[in-house]
Every structure is written in structure tokens, then in C-alpha cells.
Protein backbone atom coordinates (compact mmCIF):
# COMPACT_ATOMS: atom_id res chain seq x y z
CA UNK A 1 15.89 3.22 -18.24
CA UNK A 2 13.12 5.67 -19.16
CA UNK A 3 13.00 8.47 -16.62
CA UNK A 4 9.87 10.33 -15.53
CA UNK A 5 10.57 12.86 -18.26
CA UNK A 6 11.19 10.18 -20.88
CA UNK A 7 7.83 8.56 -20.14
CA UNK A 8 6.15 11.97 -20.31
CA UNK A 9 7.61 12.56 -23.78
CA UNK A 10 6.45 9.09 -24.85
CA UNK A 11 2.94 9.95 -23.69
CA UNK A 12 3.05 13.23 -25.60
CA UNK A 13 4.06 11.42 -28.77
CA UNK A 14 1.27 8.87 -28.31
CA UNK A 15 -1.21 11.71 -27.84
CA UNK A 16 -0.07 13.29 -31.10
CA UNK A 17 -0.45 9.99 -32.96
CA UNK A 18 -3.78 8.49 -31.80
CA UNK A 19 -4.04 6.31 -34.93
CA UNK A 20 -1.20 4.18 -33.56
CA UNK A 21 -3.20 3.31 -30.43
CA UNK A 22 -5.63 0.38 -30.09
CA UNK A 23 -9.26 1.47 -30.60
CA UNK A 24 -10.68 3.23 -27.57
CA UNK A 25 -7.45 3.22 -25.57
CA UNK A 26 -5.95 6.38 -24.10
CA UNK A 27 -2.22 7.12 -24.33
CA UNK A 28 -1.96 6.75 -20.54
CA UNK A 29 -3.43 3.25 -20.54
CA UNK A 30 -1.40 2.24 -23.59
CA UNK A 31 1.98 3.30 -22.20
CA UNK A 32 1.33 2.07 -18.65
CA UNK A 33 0.12 -1.33 -19.85
CA UNK A 34 3.08 -1.65 -22.21
CA UNK A 35 5.50 -1.32 -19.33
CA UNK A 36 3.43 -3.55 -17.03
CA UNK A 37 3.52 -6.28 -19.68
CA UNK A 38 7.29 -5.82 -20.04
CA UNK A 39 7.59 -6.33 -16.27
CA UNK A 40 5.57 -9.57 -16.46
CA UNK A 41 7.54 -10.78 -19.47
CA UNK A 42 10.82 -10.23 -17.64
CA UNK A 43 9.77 -11.98 -14.43
CA UNK A 44 7.56 -14.70 -15.93
CA UNK A 45 5.09 -14.02 -13.12
CA UNK A 46 1.62 -12.53 -12.85
CA UNK A 47 1.72 -8.79 -12.12
CA UNK A 48 -0.94 -6.71 -10.38
CA UNK A 49 -0.58 -3.00 -9.75
CA UNK A 50 -2.15 -1.63 -6.57
CA UNK A 51 -1.31 2.06 -6.60
CA UNK A 52 -2.87 5.24 -5.26
CA UNK A 53 -2.42 8.95 -5.92
CA UNK A 54 -1.06 10.08 -2.58
CA UNK A 55 2.51 11.31 -3.04
CA UNK A 56 1.56 13.94 -5.65
CA UNK A 57 -0.65 15.95 -3.33
CA UNK A 58 -3.56 17.85 -4.85
CA UNK A 59 -6.01 17.50 -1.99
CA UNK A 60 -7.36 14.04 -2.84
CA UNK A 61 -9.95 12.71 -0.39
CA UNK A 62 -8.06 10.18 1.80
CA UNK A 63 -11.05 7.83 1.65
CA UNK A 64 -10.60 7.48 -2.11
CA UNK A 65 -6.97 6.40 -2.00
CA UNK A 66 -6.91 4.28 1.14
CA UNK A 67 -7.11 0.50 1.48
CA UNK A 68 -10.83 -0.24 1.89
CA UNK A 69 -13.08 -3.34 1.86
CA UNK A 70 -14.32 -2.57 -1.68
CA UNK A 71 -10.82 -3.28 -2.99
CA UNK A 72 -11.60 -6.99 -2.70
CA UNK A 73 -14.06 -6.60 -5.58
CA UNK A 74 -11.36 -4.92 -7.65
CA UNK A 75 -8.93 -7.77 -6.99
CA UNK A 76 -11.62 -10.29 -7.92
CA UNK A 77 -11.88 -8.54 -11.28
CA UNK A 78 -8.16 -8.42 -12.06
CA UNK A 79 -7.34 -11.91 -10.77
CA UNK A 80 -10.05 -13.51 -12.88
CA UNK A 81 -8.41 -15.25 -15.82
CA UNK A 82 -4.88 -15.28 -14.42
CA UNK A 83 -3.07 -18.61 -14.31
CA UNK A 84 -0.22 -19.82 -12.16
CA UNK A 85 0.45 -19.42 -8.45
CA UNK A 86 3.10 -16.69 -8.57
CA UNK A 87 2.30 -13.00 -8.16
CA UNK A 88 4.26 -9.76 -8.17
CA UNK A 89 2.18 -7.11 -6.40
CA UNK A 90 3.40 -3.60 -7.24
CA UNK A 91 2.36 -1.68 -4.16
CA UNK A 92 2.28 2.10 -3.70
CA UNK A 93 -0.23 3.13 -1.03
CA UNK A 94 -0.57 5.32 2.07
CA UNK A 95 -2.37 2.49 3.86
CA UNK A 96 -5.88 2.40 5.26
CA UNK A 97 -7.97 -0.06 7.22
CA UNK A 98 -6.14 -2.94 8.90
CA UNK A 99 -9.30 -5.02 8.60
CA UNK A 100 -9.50 -4.29 4.87
CA UNK A 101 -5.83 -5.18 4.48
CA UNK A 102 -6.53 -8.47 6.23
CA UNK A 103 -9.35 -9.28 3.81
CA UNK A 104 -7.07 -8.58 0.83
CA UNK A 105 -4.31 -10.75 2.27
CA UNK A 106 -6.69 -13.64 2.89
CA UNK A 107 -7.95 -13.45 -0.68
CA UNK A 108 -4.55 -13.02 -2.35
CA UNK A 109 -2.94 -15.82 -0.35
CA UNK A 110 -5.82 -18.13 -1.26
CA UNK A 111 -5.05 -17.54 -4.95
CA UNK A 112 -1.23 -17.36 -5.03
CA UNK A 113 1.37 -19.53 -3.33
CA UNK A 114 4.37 -17.29 -4.03
CA UNK A 115 3.81 -13.55 -3.59
CA UNK A 116 6.43 -10.85 -3.96
CA UNK A 117 5.66 -7.24 -3.09
CA UNK A 118 7.52 -4.75 -5.28
CA UNK A 119 7.70 -1.28 -3.74
CA UNK A 120 8.60 1.39 -6.34
CA UNK A 121 8.34 4.19 -3.79
CA UNK A 122 6.38 3.74 -0.56
CA UNK A 123 3.95 1.29 1.04
CA UNK A 124 2.92 2.74 4.38
CA UNK A 125 0.79 1.77 7.37
CA UNK A 126 -1.71 -0.94 6.35
CA UNK A 127 0.20 -1.31 3.07
CA UNK A 128 3.27 -2.18 5.16
CA UNK A 129 1.11 -4.79 6.89
CA UNK A 130 0.20 -6.25 3.49
CA UNK A 131 3.89 -6.30 2.59
CA UNK A 132 4.55 -8.48 5.63
CA UNK A 133 2.23 -11.10 4.12
CA UNK A 134 4.53 -11.55 1.12
CA UNK A 135 7.17 -14.24 0.74
CA UNK A 136 9.69 -11.46 0.12
CA UNK A 137 9.93 -7.80 -0.76
CA UNK A 138 11.77 -6.05 -3.57
CA UNK A 139 12.93 -2.54 -2.64
CA UNK A 140 15.27 0.02 -4.14
CA UNK A 141 17.33 2.68 -2.43
CA UNK A 142 14.32 4.96 -2.94
CA UNK A 143 11.74 2.52 -1.51
CA UNK A 144 10.14 2.78 1.90
CA UNK A 145 7.74 1.09 4.28
CA UNK A 146 6.34 2.65 7.46
CA UNK A 147 5.16 2.02 11.03
CA UNK A 148 1.87 0.15 11.48
CA UNK A 149 0.69 1.72 14.74
CA UNK A 150 -3.10 2.30 14.56
CA UNK A 151 -4.58 5.76 14.01
CA UNK A 152 -7.99 7.07 15.08
CA UNK A 153 -9.98 9.92 13.56
CA UNK A 154 -11.29 12.09 16.40
CA UNK A 155 -13.85 14.85 15.98
CA UNK A 156 -12.34 17.85 17.76
CA UNK A 157 -13.20 21.52 18.06
CA UNK A 158 -10.68 22.07 15.26
CA UNK A 159 -12.31 19.46 13.04
CA UNK A 160 -11.39 15.82 12.36
CA UNK A 161 -7.89 14.94 13.56
CA UNK A 162 -5.89 11.75 12.96
CA UNK A 163 -4.43 10.70 16.29
CA UNK A 164 -2.13 7.73 17.03
CA UNK A 165 -3.65 5.15 19.36
CA UNK A 166 -0.38 5.19 21.31
CA UNK A 167 -0.67 8.95 21.86
CA UNK A 168 -4.25 8.58 23.13
CA UNK A 169 -3.16 5.90 25.62
CA UNK A 170 -0.19 7.96 26.80
CA UNK A 171 -2.30 11.09 27.16
CA UNK A 172 -4.95 9.19 29.14
CA UNK A 173 -2.23 7.80 31.41
CA UNK A 174 -0.90 11.32 31.96
CA UNK A 175 -4.42 12.57 32.69
CA UNK A 176 -4.93 9.95 35.40
CA UNK A 177 -1.70 11.04 37.05
CA UNK A 178 -2.37 14.77 36.89
CA UNK A 179 -6.08 14.74 37.65
CA UNK A 180 -5.30 13.76 41.21
CA UNK A 181 -4.60 17.49 41.57
CA UNK A 182 -8.01 19.27 41.50
CA UNK A 183 -6.34 22.43 40.23
CA UNK A 184 -5.51 20.69 36.95
CA UNK A 185 -8.99 19.31 36.28
CA UNK A 186 -10.27 22.38 34.36
CA UNK A 187 -7.42 21.94 31.86
CA UNK A 188 -8.05 18.24 31.35
CA UNK A 189 -11.85 18.13 31.11
CA UNK A 190 -12.06 19.61 27.54
CA UNK A 191 -9.44 17.11 26.38
CA UNK A 192 -11.06 14.09 28.00
CA UNK A 193 -14.44 14.98 26.47
CA UNK A 194 -13.02 13.94 23.09
CA UNK A 195 -12.64 10.34 24.25
CA UNK A 196 -15.71 8.15 23.89
CA UNK A 197 -16.48 5.57 26.57
CA UNK A 198 -14.71 2.77 24.66
CA UNK A 199 -11.88 4.64 22.93
CA UNK A 200 -9.13 3.58 25.34
CA UNK A 201 -10.05 -0.08 25.01
CA UNK A 202 -10.34 0.29 21.22
CA UNK A 203 -6.82 1.73 21.12
CA UNK A 204 -5.45 -1.29 22.95
CA UNK A 205 -7.37 -3.75 20.78
CA UNK A 206 -6.31 -1.99 17.54
CA UNK A 207 -2.66 -2.07 18.58
CA UNK A 208 -2.91 -5.74 19.51
CA UNK A 209 -4.62 -6.52 16.19
CA UNK A 210 -1.92 -4.84 14.10
CA UNK A 211 0.85 -6.69 15.94
CA UNK A 212 -1.05 -9.98 15.72
CA UNK A 213 -1.69 -9.73 11.98
CA UNK A 214 1.88 -8.75 11.11
CA UNK A 215 3.32 -11.44 13.38
CA UNK A 216 1.07 -14.19 12.03
CA UNK A 217 1.71 -13.27 8.38
CA UNK A 218 5.47 -13.15 8.85
CA UNK A 219 5.40 -16.54 10.55
CA UNK A 220 3.20 -18.06 7.85
CA UNK A 221 4.97 -16.64 4.78
CA UNK A 222 8.13 -14.53 4.83
CA UNK A 223 9.80 -16.29 7.77
CA UNK A 224 8.08 -19.66 7.39
CA UNK A 225 11.34 -21.56 6.79
CA UNK A 226 13.21 -19.89 9.63
CA UNK A 227 13.47 -22.13 12.73
CA UNK A 228 13.11 -19.02 14.90
CA UNK A 229 10.19 -17.61 12.89
CA UNK A 230 7.85 -17.06 15.86
CA UNK A 231 10.37 -15.10 17.88
CA UNK A 232 11.62 -13.05 14.93
CA UNK A 233 8.09 -12.30 13.71
CA UNK A 234 7.03 -11.04 17.13
CA UNK A 235 10.10 -8.81 17.28
CA UNK A 236 9.39 -7.27 13.87
CA UNK A 237 5.71 -6.79 14.69
CA UNK A 238 6.35 -5.21 18.09
CA UNK A 239 8.85 -2.80 16.53
CA UNK A 240 6.62 -1.72 13.65
CA UNK A 241 3.63 -1.20 15.92
CA UNK A 242 5.56 0.88 18.50
CA UNK A 243 4.68 4.53 17.92
CA UNK A 244 7.20 5.55 20.56
CA UNK A 245 10.02 4.08 18.48
CA UNK A 246 9.36 6.05 15.30
CA UNK A 247 7.66 9.11 16.87
CA UNK A 248 5.53 9.61 13.74
CA UNK A 249 3.11 7.38 11.84
CA UNK A 250 4.37 8.93 8.60
CA UNK A 251 8.03 8.07 9.26
CA UNK A 252 9.74 6.47 6.25
CA UNK A 253 11.66 3.25 6.89
CA UNK A 254 14.30 2.66 4.22
CA UNK A 255 15.46 -0.64 2.81
CA UNK A 256 18.51 -1.15 5.02
CA UNK A 257 16.59 -0.34 8.19
CA UNK A 258 13.79 -2.69 7.09
CA UNK A 259 16.37 -5.45 6.56
CA UNK A 260 17.79 -4.83 10.03
CA UNK A 261 14.33 -5.42 11.47
CA UNK A 262 14.39 -8.93 10.00
CA UNK A 263 12.35 -8.57 6.81
CA UNK A 264 13.40 -10.58 3.75
CA UNK A 265 14.20 -8.05 1.02
CA UNK A 266 15.81 -8.28 -2.42
CA UNK A 267 17.69 -5.26 -3.74
CA UNK A 268 15.96 -3.85 -6.80
CA UNK A 269 19.29 -2.66 -8.21
CA UNK A 270 20.56 -6.25 -8.37
CA UNK A 271 18.42 -6.82 -11.48
CA UNK A 272 18.76 -3.88 -13.86
CA UNK A 273 15.99 -5.06 -16.19
CA UNK A 274 13.62 -5.49 -13.26
CA UNK A 275 14.49 -2.01 -11.99
CA UNK A 276 13.93 -0.47 -15.43
CA UNK A 277 10.58 -2.21 -15.86
CA UNK A 278 9.28 -1.45 -12.36
CA UNK A 279 10.22 2.22 -12.37
CA UNK A 280 8.81 2.67 -15.87
CA UNK A 281 5.50 1.27 -14.60
CA UNK A 282 5.67 3.62 -11.63
CA UNK A 283 6.41 6.69 -13.76
CA UNK A 284 3.63 5.82 -16.22
CA UNK A 285 1.15 5.35 -13.37
CA UNK A 286 2.03 8.65 -11.71
CA UNK A 287 1.48 10.38 -15.06
CA UNK A 288 -1.93 8.70 -15.21
CA UNK A 289 -2.76 10.13 -11.80
CA UNK A 290 -1.43 13.59 -12.67
CA UNK A 291 -3.36 13.98 -15.93
CA UNK A 292 -6.60 12.03 -15.43
CA UNK A 293 -9.32 11.83 -12.73
CA UNK A 294 -7.91 8.45 -11.57
CA UNK A 295 -6.83 8.32 -7.92
CA UNK A 296 -6.49 4.55 -7.35
CA UNK A 297 -5.56 1.91 -9.88
CA UNK A 298 -5.74 -1.88 -9.57
CA UNK A 299 -4.64 -3.51 -12.82
CA UNK A 300 -3.08 -6.75 -14.04
CA UNK A 301 -0.44 -7.30 -16.73
CA UNK A 302 -3.12 -8.30 -19.24
CA UNK A 303 -4.67 -4.83 -19.11
CA UNK A 304 -7.70 -5.66 -16.99
CA UNK A 305 -8.29 -2.95 -14.39
CA UNK A 306 -10.49 -1.31 -11.81
CA UNK A 307 -9.85 2.42 -11.58
CA UNK A 308 -11.10 4.64 -8.78
CA UNK A 309 -12.13 8.03 -10.12
CA UNK A 310 -13.93 10.76 -8.20
CA UNK A 311 -15.52 8.53 -5.63
CA UNK A 312 -16.41 5.37 -7.53
CA UNK A 313 -14.69 2.35 -9.01
CA UNK A 314 -15.25 1.38 -12.60
CA UNK A 315 -14.10 -1.73 -14.45
CA UNK A 316 -11.64 -0.88 -17.18
CA UNK A 317 -11.63 -3.88 -19.51
CA UNK A 318 -9.47 -4.35 -22.57
CA UNK A 319 -11.08 -2.39 -25.46
CA UNK A 320 -12.77 -4.35 -28.26
CA UNK A 321 -10.32 -5.37 -30.93
CA UNK A 322 -7.32 -5.03 -28.62
CA UNK A 323 -6.40 -8.54 -27.56
CA UNK A 324 -4.54 -8.79 -24.27
CA UNK A 325 -0.83 -9.53 -24.51
CA UNK A 326 0.13 -13.10 -23.63
CA UNK A 327 0.57 -13.75 -19.93
CA UNK A 328 3.71 -15.22 -18.38
């Protein structure tokens, strides 16, 4: 299996020999697409990468790498021309809007009957929610999902702060208890000023929405054949949405813990060729993020892509004269 360093050396060799590349194609696109096609050839299924630059650091604007409504347009681009009703979605994302995730799930499930989510590293928050809309997951020992408890961006005296909805509700509950003592009011008033008139209700609704979406998707897809699907789906959803259980929205949930929750997961290591292909795609994509302005990449196994770079998304079609490799 090519390691991160092996893929880097392959990219360096491709850079030194540009004549060997298809016209107009960069070494990063060439190597990444080669491995993506190898993944599709091995599985015989459509492959779409949905990956963001978020584990490398570098101060990327969170709005550029999050799941947003405009991603639907990107998926429209990369799904166009694909045949068959099976999809492998390679997902590496910090999450984003639950409503945007819902729109992506609705669209993807309208196009594909059998969806697997392959997690090469981590699919967190709203990306975990999307994972729950798959028929099954494929995870390695190094793969993670995360809690789905909602977060709110509050404008504070220290600047914008991401705050868990659960923490806001708990703090408001504590305030009601302590504010019965007039001596404590001066301490609480600056804190309570941060809460708009509807924030508490919004926190409850957002929590309910996350649990509802995850529960409904699990019942409809991953657990559809289980006679106890409703009960099991509600249990998984209530656990993932409970901030008090994980204590942090950024907590990593490994494969074995995810299985214990009731999710249907295949071990990546059970298929060595699949593991090699998936991790090669992941390494090639992280190199793309490290060495180019790209921060989000949505691309199919035929080389058709939308790439988010410095605040805008651009279509990245197959260059003239470079025919796409045959699909599965």
C-alpha cells in the first residue's frame, strides 16, 4: 500500500515529468484521480469524494470547508453522467449545517439505492449525520465519527464563540436557579445578555431536529431490515445528540464504539485491496490540500469535480484530449 510518503514521491516524479501527464492536468489531479479510479474498479461501484481540508490546520476559514447548501450544486455536477444505483461516498469532513446535510441526503438518496460511506479518517458532526443515511459504513481502526449535538455561534465580548446548544440550555437552567438570589444577579446579567429572545427555543428545536434526522435516516436505510429498527434508531440518535455523554462536540468516536451504538459497519482491513485504494485516495487528496489553494473537493471516479478554492467553487472538468476512464 502506498503510504503518505510514497504518494508524495509519486507526485514529485510526476512533477518532474510533465510530458507524461494528460494535457492541462496537474500532477495532483492525475495521481488523485488514478487512485480514485482504482477504487471504483475494485468495488465496481460509483465513487464520489467529499473531502475538506480541516485536519491539516493552516487557519482555513471554517465556512469554506463546512457542509453548506451550495454543495448540492457540486453534487449535481459530479453525479451527472453516472450510471447505476450504487455509490461509495468517501467522506472526510468536520461537518456543518444540519439543514444542508439534509438537502444532500435527500438528493443522494433520490439518485442511489445503495449507498456506502467510506471514512478514511473522520466524518464529524453533520458529516456523521450524513453517514447515518448510508446503508452501511466502512471504517478502519483509524476512522472516526463524532457527536451530532447542535452548535451555535454566539457573538461575545471575546468575539464569535461556538457553543453547544446543550451547554446553553444547562447554563440557562442554572441561571434560573441562582437568580432567585438577588446577590447573584450582577454576575449573571452580562452572561444572559448574550442570549437572544429565541435562543433557548432554537437550542431545543435544533437538538430535536438532529435526533429526528438521524433517527429517520437510520430507520429508512441502515436499519431498514431490522425488526426493531425504530427503537434502535432512536437509541443511536439520542446517544449521538447527547452532549452530556461525550462532553465535547469534537470527541472522536472510534469504529468499535460506533458498532456498539448499533451502527452497521464493515471493517476496512477485511479487504486489503479496498484499504489500499481508499487510503491512497486519502493521501493523494491531503497532498492536494497541502500544496494547492483547494480546501474542499467533490469529485467522481471519472475525474469530474467541483473544487472549493479561496472562497468560491469552480467546476473542474476532464481536460480536452483526456478521456475519462471507464466507469464501473
